[in-house]
Amino acid sequence: MTSLLILSFSTLERDPRVQRQIELFAEDYEVTTVGFGPQPHPGVTHLELPGDTRAWPSSKKHLLTGRYRQAYWAMSAVRAAHETLDELVGAMDIVLANDVNTLPLALWLAPRRGVHADLHEYAPREKEHVRSWRWFIAPYQRWICRTCLPQVDSVTTVSPGLAAEYHDQFGVDVEVVTNAAAYEQRSPRPTEGTIRLLHTGVARANRRLDAMIDALRGAPDGVTLDLMLVPSEPGYIDALRERAADLPAVRFREPVPYTELVETVAEYDVSIVVFPATTFNLEHSLPNKLFEAVQARTAVLVGPSPDMADLVREHGIGEVLEGADADALRSALATMTPEDVDGWKQASDAAARELSAEHQVSGWSRALARLAEAG
């Protein structure tokens, strides 16, 4: 059986994308996982990295002087992985490396049949809204991409916009494997008197969630908005609650476990997936919540982000707003009817299999099969 090492500097049991990789390959490959946290799947061998180590460069002297190789190998998580994996150099058939911060390690492991890189973000612009990050970390990220990507055997990422940028900047061919949710057998729920809107996700100020709240000022009667937010920045959710204090149509709901998320989304009529183009990665995102809405058989409202807009128009599963601000959302709400929403829900139902994880992960299957056969 072909041996496969899946490497990620994340807590594997809480990383949906890596979990899909593990579940996909655990039966047909001899899988070893490397990352933080306990064994993520009963069918794999797991090598756990110490939870107190970090996979971001912190050596100012190396970053300031452009000694990026030293900065990489000085990171505590990389040192721990280097020690843990030393006996596996040249011993694995394939390494599946998640995100660019695993690429030098993956290449050092020298797998017999090759390295596949799965890139969850466009790394050189991941936190470009933070000035210190642009100055110190972005050049380091570009160095990893420039030196490592030409050496890997195949690459996937999460959206067409990110794939195109990796190709344009680093000359590598990139296939898209979206962050799709698993297929669920269910039927659309008819839209009744009140159109129930939902937004789920991480509460970060650069996503400008206040615009969704402001859109409900002057919106038609019979429209409500629930926000189910995961804390990320201290005080931000409290600020949003205060902003919505005079709007009875806006409510805050506690997050649910990931295993209950699609079932919860299915209680609603429309999922709002609107991000302002404050960063390159946000502009070209195809977020989990878009695919969770499809499996829940709800409609979606998205902003003019090109990758999301193309997908929504192709499948007819919702409406593309003219902007990512309160006025654009309020304008859409003013003309939306239950009949519109029901039509979009039916389109979500029709697209559910094609946009499911089971269909999308075939990109990983093909990539690893090519490596296995080439060996």
Protein backbone atom coordinates (compact mmCIF):
# COMPACT_ATOMS: atom_id res chain seq x y z
CA MET A 1 0.00 0.00 0.00
CA THR A 2 1.27 3.49 -0.87
CA SER A 3 2.43 5.39 2.20
CA LEU A 4 1.16 8.95 2.62
CA LEU A 5 2.18 11.54 5.18
CA ILE A 6 -0.34 14.37 5.73
CA LEU A 7 1.40 17.34 7.30
CA SER A 8 -0.27 20.43 8.76
CA PHE A 9 0.63 22.95 11.45
CA SER A 10 -2.95 22.97 12.70
CA THR A 11 -5.03 21.07 15.24
CA LEU A 12 -6.07 18.32 12.85
CA GLU A 13 -9.32 17.30 14.52
CA ARG A 14 -10.53 20.94 14.27
CA ASP A 15 -9.34 21.55 10.71
CA PRO A 16 -12.23 20.63 8.35
CA ARG A 17 -10.12 20.73 5.19
CA VAL A 18 -7.40 18.46 6.58
CA GLN A 19 -10.06 16.18 8.06
CA ARG A 20 -11.50 15.72 4.57
CA GLN A 21 -8.07 14.73 3.29
CA ILE A 22 -7.62 12.20 6.08
CA GLU A 23 -11.07 10.67 5.60
CA LEU A 24 -10.53 10.51 1.83
CA PHE A 25 -7.19 8.69 1.95
CA ALA A 26 -7.31 6.65 5.18
CA GLU A 27 -8.80 3.60 3.47
CA ASP A 28 -6.64 3.39 0.35
CA TYR A 29 -3.28 4.68 1.61
CA GLU A 30 -1.10 3.90 4.60
CA VAL A 31 -1.60 7.30 6.22
CA THR A 32 0.56 9.01 8.82
CA THR A 33 -0.62 12.39 10.10
CA VAL A 34 1.57 15.09 11.61
CA GLY A 35 0.12 18.08 13.43
CA PHE A 36 -1.22 19.44 16.69
CA GLY A 37 -3.75 17.68 18.87
CA PRO A 38 -4.73 14.02 19.34
CA GLN A 39 -5.13 11.33 16.70
CA PRO A 40 -7.64 12.72 14.18
CA HIS A 41 -8.83 9.39 12.73
CA PRO A 42 -8.71 5.79 13.99
CA GLY A 43 -7.27 4.51 10.73
CA VAL A 44 -4.05 6.54 10.74
CA THR A 45 -0.73 6.66 12.57
CA HIS A 46 -0.47 10.04 14.26
CA LEU A 47 2.63 11.98 15.25
CA GLU A 48 1.55 14.78 17.57
CA LEU A 49 3.54 18.00 17.70
CA PRO A 50 3.93 19.81 21.05
CA GLY A 51 1.05 22.20 21.58
CA ASP A 52 3.28 24.95 22.96
CA THR A 53 5.28 25.31 19.73
CA ARG A 54 4.56 27.82 16.99
CA ALA A 55 4.77 27.75 13.21
CA TRP A 56 5.20 31.47 12.56
CA PRO A 57 8.67 33.06 12.33
CA SER A 58 9.62 35.18 15.33
CA SER A 59 13.33 35.79 14.79
CA LYS A 60 13.51 39.52 14.08
CA LYS A 61 17.20 39.39 13.22
CA HIS A 62 16.61 36.75 10.54
CA LEU A 63 13.53 38.47 9.08
CA LEU A 64 15.12 41.92 9.03
CA THR A 65 18.24 40.64 7.26
CA GLY A 66 16.41 38.42 4.78
CA ARG A 67 17.80 35.18 6.20
CA TYR A 68 14.52 33.43 5.62
CA ARG A 69 15.87 29.89 5.57
CA GLN A 70 17.25 30.37 9.07
CA ALA A 71 13.98 31.99 10.17
CA TYR A 72 12.06 28.94 8.97
CA TRP A 73 14.19 26.27 10.62
CA ALA A 74 14.33 28.29 13.85
CA MET A 75 10.56 28.09 14.41
CA SER A 76 9.75 25.89 17.39
CA ALA A 77 7.10 23.83 15.57
CA VAL A 78 9.47 23.22 12.66
CA ARG A 79 12.26 22.15 15.03
CA ALA A 80 9.86 19.76 16.77
CA ALA A 81 8.67 18.32 13.46
CA HIS A 82 12.25 18.00 12.21
CA GLU A 83 13.16 15.93 15.27
CA THR A 84 9.96 13.85 15.12
CA LEU A 85 10.26 13.07 11.41
CA ASP A 86 13.99 12.52 11.10
CA GLU A 87 13.64 8.74 10.71
CA LEU A 88 11.07 9.18 7.91
CA VAL A 89 13.38 11.02 5.49
CA GLY A 90 13.23 9.10 2.22
CA ALA A 91 10.88 6.52 3.75
CA MET A 92 7.46 7.84 2.67
CA ASP A 93 5.98 7.55 -0.81
CA ILE A 94 3.99 10.82 -0.86
CA VAL A 95 3.75 13.87 1.37
CA LEU A 96 0.60 16.01 1.32
CA ALA A 97 1.74 19.38 2.66
CA ASN A 98 -0.90 21.80 3.91
CA ASP A 99 -0.12 25.50 3.49
CA VAL A 100 3.21 26.99 2.53
CA ASN A 101 4.63 26.80 6.07
CA THR A 102 4.98 23.03 5.68
CA LEU A 103 6.67 23.05 2.26
CA PRO A 104 10.36 23.16 3.25
CA LEU A 105 9.75 20.29 5.68
CA ALA A 106 7.89 18.29 3.05
CA LEU A 107 10.73 18.69 0.55
CA TRP A 108 13.32 17.82 3.23
CA LEU A 109 11.44 14.54 3.79
CA ALA A 110 12.27 13.61 0.17
CA PRO A 111 9.29 11.29 -0.40
CA ARG A 112 9.91 8.65 -3.05
CA ARG A 113 7.02 9.64 -5.33
CA GLY A 114 6.60 13.31 -4.63
CA VAL A 115 5.02 16.19 -2.73
CA HIS A 116 1.52 17.55 -3.20
CA ALA A 117 0.90 21.04 -1.79
CA ASP A 118 -2.57 22.10 -0.69
CA LEU A 119 -2.66 25.86 -0.09
CA HIS A 120 -5.54 27.12 2.04
CA GLU A 121 -4.80 30.83 1.46
CA TYR A 122 -2.81 33.01 -0.90
CA ALA A 123 0.09 33.07 1.56
CA PRO A 124 2.02 36.18 0.43
CA ARG A 125 -1.04 38.35 1.15
CA GLU A 126 -2.64 36.39 4.00
CA LYS A 127 -2.62 39.22 6.59
CA GLU A 128 -1.91 42.15 4.32
CA HIS A 129 -4.25 44.40 6.34
CA VAL A 130 -1.65 44.35 9.15
CA ARG A 131 1.23 46.72 8.40
CA SER A 132 3.87 44.88 10.44
CA TRP A 133 2.90 41.65 8.70
CA ARG A 134 3.33 43.27 5.26
CA TRP A 135 6.77 44.53 6.21
CA PHE A 136 8.24 41.46 7.91
CA ILE A 137 6.26 38.31 7.09
CA ALA A 138 5.08 38.87 3.51
CA PRO A 139 8.63 38.83 2.04
CA TYR A 140 9.29 35.62 3.98
CA GLN A 141 6.10 34.05 2.59
CA ARG A 142 7.10 35.06 -0.93
CA TRP A 143 10.50 33.44 -0.37
CA ILE A 144 8.90 30.11 0.58
CA CYS A 145 6.61 30.23 -2.47
CA ARG A 146 9.41 31.24 -4.82
CA THR A 147 11.82 28.56 -3.63
CA CYS A 148 9.49 25.67 -2.80
CA LEU A 149 6.52 25.73 -5.16
CA PRO A 150 8.59 25.01 -8.30
CA GLN A 151 9.91 21.89 -6.53
CA VAL A 152 6.59 20.27 -5.58
CA ASP A 153 4.86 17.89 -7.95
CA SER A 154 1.28 19.21 -7.83
CA VAL A 155 -0.68 21.99 -6.16
CA THR A 156 -4.29 22.64 -5.16
CA THR A 157 -5.96 25.64 -3.54
CA VAL A 158 -9.42 26.79 -2.53
CA SER A 159 -10.64 29.14 -5.28
CA PRO A 160 -10.01 30.09 -8.91
CA GLY A 161 -8.74 33.56 -7.96
CA LEU A 162 -6.08 32.17 -5.66
CA ALA A 163 -5.12 29.52 -8.22
CA ALA A 164 -4.64 32.17 -10.90
CA GLU A 165 -2.49 34.34 -8.62
CA TYR A 166 -0.21 31.45 -7.64
CA HIS A 167 0.18 30.63 -11.33
CA ASP A 168 0.84 34.22 -12.36
CA GLN A 169 3.33 34.97 -9.58
CA PHE A 170 5.16 31.66 -9.24
CA GLY A 171 4.59 29.83 -12.52
CA VAL A 172 2.92 26.73 -11.11
CA ASP A 173 -0.23 25.02 -12.34
CA VAL A 174 -2.86 24.90 -9.61
CA GLU A 175 -6.11 22.93 -9.45
CA VAL A 176 -9.07 24.06 -7.35
CA VAL A 177 -10.52 21.95 -4.54
CA THR A 178 -13.14 24.05 -2.77
CA ASN A 179 -13.97 23.99 0.94
CA ALA A 180 -17.20 22.17 0.19
CA ALA A 181 -19.33 20.58 2.87
CA ALA A 182 -20.29 16.91 2.83
CA TYR A 183 -23.41 16.01 0.84
CA GLU A 184 -26.61 15.89 2.86
CA GLN A 185 -29.86 14.29 1.74
CA ARG A 186 -32.58 16.83 2.48
CA SER A 187 -35.29 18.87 0.76
CA PRO A 188 -35.67 22.66 0.69
CA ARG A 189 -37.91 24.08 3.39
CA PRO A 190 -40.64 26.36 1.97
CA THR A 191 -40.22 30.05 2.79
CA GLU A 192 -43.09 31.25 4.91
CA GLY A 193 -44.15 34.74 6.01
CA THR A 194 -40.88 35.96 7.51
CA ILE A 195 -37.66 35.69 5.49
CA ARG A 196 -35.03 34.58 8.00
CA LEU A 197 -31.46 35.67 7.23
CA LEU A 198 -28.36 34.15 8.83
CA HIS A 199 -24.67 34.97 8.90
CA THR A 200 -22.22 32.55 10.50
CA GLY A 201 -18.48 32.78 10.95
CA VAL A 202 -15.55 34.35 12.71
CA ALA A 203 -16.10 37.86 14.09
CA ARG A 204 -13.31 39.98 12.61
CA ALA A 205 -13.48 43.73 12.10
CA ASN A 206 -12.00 43.58 8.59
CA ARG A 207 -15.12 41.64 7.52
CA ARG A 208 -17.22 44.71 8.44
CA LEU A 209 -20.13 42.76 9.85
CA ASP A 210 -21.65 46.04 11.02
CA ALA A 211 -22.86 46.55 7.44
CA MET A 212 -25.23 43.61 7.81
CA ILE A 213 -26.71 45.16 10.93
CA ASP A 214 -27.05 48.59 9.31
CA ALA A 215 -28.79 47.00 6.30
CA LEU A 216 -31.70 46.11 8.58
CA ARG A 217 -32.32 49.81 9.28
CA GLY A 218 -35.09 50.68 6.87
CA ALA A 219 -35.37 47.12 5.55
CA PRO A 220 -38.88 45.78 4.86
CA ASP A 221 -40.95 44.26 7.62
CA GLY A 222 -40.91 40.49 7.60
CA VAL A 223 -37.11 40.17 7.40
CA THR A 224 -34.95 39.10 10.36
CA LEU A 225 -31.21 38.59 10.75
CA ASP A 226 -29.46 36.19 13.11
CA LEU A 227 -25.70 36.44 13.65
CA MET A 228 -23.92 33.29 14.86
CA LEU A 229 -20.37 34.46 15.45
CA VAL A 230 -17.18 32.85 16.75
CA PRO A 231 -15.13 35.31 18.84
CA SER A 232 -11.81 36.37 17.36
CA GLU A 233 -11.04 39.97 18.32
CA PRO A 234 -11.66 41.17 21.89
CA GLY A 235 -14.72 43.38 22.21
CA TYR A 236 -15.86 43.15 18.60
CA ILE A 237 -18.99 41.06 19.19
CA ASP A 238 -19.92 43.34 22.10
CA ALA A 239 -19.60 46.32 19.77
CA LEU A 240 -21.86 44.63 17.24
CA ARG A 241 -24.43 43.87 19.94
CA GLU A 242 -24.45 47.51 20.96
CA ARG A 243 -24.85 48.62 17.36
CA ALA A 244 -27.89 46.34 16.99
CA ALA A 245 -29.44 47.19 20.36
CA ASP A 246 -32.29 49.23 18.80
CA LEU A 247 -33.07 46.65 16.09
CA PRO A 248 -35.41 43.89 17.33
CA ALA A 249 -35.06 42.14 13.95
CA VAL A 250 -31.37 41.46 14.65
CA ARG A 251 -30.48 38.70 17.09
CA PHE A 252 -27.25 37.04 18.21
CA ARG A 253 -27.14 33.27 18.51
CA GLU A 254 -24.50 31.14 20.18
CA PRO A 255 -22.32 29.09 17.80
CA VAL A 256 -23.11 25.40 17.44
CA PRO A 257 -20.66 22.50 16.98
CA TYR A 258 -19.53 21.99 13.41
CA THR A 259 -21.40 18.68 13.23
CA GLU A 260 -24.66 20.57 13.86
CA LEU A 261 -23.96 23.53 11.59
CA VAL A 262 -25.71 22.49 8.37
CA GLU A 263 -28.78 21.38 10.32
CA THR A 264 -28.85 24.79 12.02
CA VAL A 265 -28.41 26.71 8.76
CA ALA A 266 -31.35 24.74 7.33
CA GLU A 267 -33.63 26.52 9.83
CA TYR A 268 -33.12 29.73 7.83
CA ASP A 269 -34.11 30.96 4.39
CA VAL A 270 -31.07 32.95 3.23
CA SER A 271 -27.43 32.77 4.22
CA ILE A 272 -25.54 36.06 3.87
CA VAL A 273 -21.98 35.50 2.64
CA VAL A 274 -20.74 39.03 1.99
CA PHE A 275 -17.13 40.09 2.51
CA PRO A 276 -15.66 43.47 1.56
CA ALA A 277 -12.52 43.28 -0.55
CA THR A 278 -10.32 44.45 2.32
CA THR A 279 -7.73 41.78 1.51
CA PHE A 280 -6.91 39.72 -1.55
CA ASN A 281 -7.88 36.49 0.18
CA LEU A 282 -11.28 37.86 1.23
CA GLU A 283 -11.92 39.19 -2.27
CA HIS A 284 -11.28 35.76 -3.78
CA SER A 285 -12.70 33.58 -1.02
CA LEU A 286 -15.05 30.65 -1.49
CA PRO A 287 -15.79 30.15 2.21
CA ASN A 288 -17.14 27.06 3.93
CA LYS A 289 -20.37 28.88 4.80
CA LEU A 290 -21.29 29.18 1.12
CA PHE A 291 -21.19 25.40 0.67
CA GLU A 292 -22.84 24.74 4.02
CA ALA A 293 -25.76 26.86 2.82
CA VAL A 294 -26.06 24.73 -0.32
CA GLN A 295 -26.19 21.52 1.72
CA ALA A 296 -28.75 23.15 4.02
CA ARG A 297 -30.77 24.00 0.88
CA THR A 298 -30.91 27.68 1.75
CA ALA A 299 -30.51 30.57 -0.65
CA VAL A 300 -27.45 32.84 -0.50
CA LEU A 301 -26.72 36.52 -0.83
CA VAL A 302 -23.12 37.27 -1.81
CA GLY A 303 -21.23 40.43 -2.58
CA PRO A 304 -19.42 41.16 -5.85
CA SER A 305 -16.45 38.99 -4.87
CA PRO A 306 -15.64 37.44 -8.27
CA ASP A 307 -15.26 33.78 -7.31
CA MET A 308 -18.41 33.69 -5.19
CA ALA A 309 -20.36 35.73 -7.75
CA ASP A 310 -19.40 33.37 -10.57
CA LEU A 311 -20.47 30.30 -8.59
CA VAL A 312 -23.80 31.83 -7.51
CA ARG A 313 -24.64 32.94 -11.05
CA GLU A 314 -23.60 29.62 -12.57
CA HIS A 315 -25.91 27.63 -10.31
CA GLY A 316 -28.61 30.23 -9.69
CA ILE A 317 -28.55 29.68 -5.93
CA GLY A 318 -29.05 33.30 -4.86
CA GLU A 319 -28.40 36.94 -5.66
CA VAL A 320 -25.15 38.83 -6.21
CA LEU A 321 -25.21 42.25 -4.56
CA GLU A 322 -23.89 45.33 -6.33
CA GLY A 323 -21.62 46.07 -3.37
CA ALA A 324 -20.52 44.72 -0.01
CA ASP A 325 -22.06 47.56 2.00
CA ALA A 326 -25.28 48.16 3.91
CA ASP A 327 -26.98 50.04 1.07
CA ALA A 328 -26.45 47.20 -1.41
CA LEU A 329 -27.81 44.61 1.01
CA ARG A 330 -30.78 46.80 1.99
CA SER A 331 -31.60 47.33 -1.70
CA ALA A 332 -31.65 43.56 -2.30
CA LEU A 333 -33.86 42.99 0.74
CA ALA A 334 -36.33 45.61 -0.51
CA THR A 335 -37.14 43.61 -3.64
CA MET A 336 -36.66 40.03 -2.40
CA THR A 337 -39.80 37.90 -2.28
CA PRO A 338 -40.49 34.49 -0.74
CA GLU A 339 -40.97 33.21 -4.29
CA ASP A 340 -37.45 34.38 -5.20
CA VAL A 341 -36.04 32.64 -2.15
CA ASP A 342 -37.87 29.40 -2.90
CA GLY A 343 -36.47 29.41 -6.44
CA TRP A 344 -32.94 29.84 -5.12
CA LYS A 345 -33.48 27.05 -2.60
CA GLN A 346 -34.55 24.71 -5.40
CA ALA A 347 -31.39 25.64 -7.30
CA SER A 348 -29.31 24.84 -4.22
CA ASP A 349 -30.97 21.46 -4.10
CA ALA A 350 -30.15 20.83 -7.76
CA ALA A 351 -26.48 21.82 -7.24
CA ALA A 352 -25.95 20.04 -3.92
CA ARG A 353 -24.18 16.97 -5.29
CA GLU A 354 -21.88 18.87 -7.65
CA LEU A 355 -20.94 21.33 -4.90
CA SER A 356 -20.43 18.68 -2.23
CA ALA A 357 -17.14 17.66 -0.67
CA GLU A 358 -17.50 14.18 -2.14
CA HIS A 359 -17.38 15.65 -5.64
CA GLN A 360 -14.82 18.39 -4.98
CA VAL A 361 -12.18 16.21 -3.29
CA SER A 362 -11.72 14.26 -6.51
CA GLY A 363 -9.06 16.88 -7.29
CA TRP A 364 -6.95 15.52 -4.45
CA SER A 365 -7.63 11.94 -5.48
CA ARG A 366 -6.45 12.59 -9.03
CA ALA A 367 -3.32 14.43 -7.91
CA LEU A 368 -2.19 11.72 -5.52
CA ALA A 369 -3.11 8.94 -7.94
CA ARG A 370 -0.81 10.54 -10.55
CA LEU A 371 2.05 10.57 -8.05
CA ALA A 372 1.40 6.98 -6.97
CA GLU A 373 1.30 5.77 -10.57
CA ALA A 374 4.38 7.76 -11.58
CA GLY A 375 6.33 6.05 -8.81
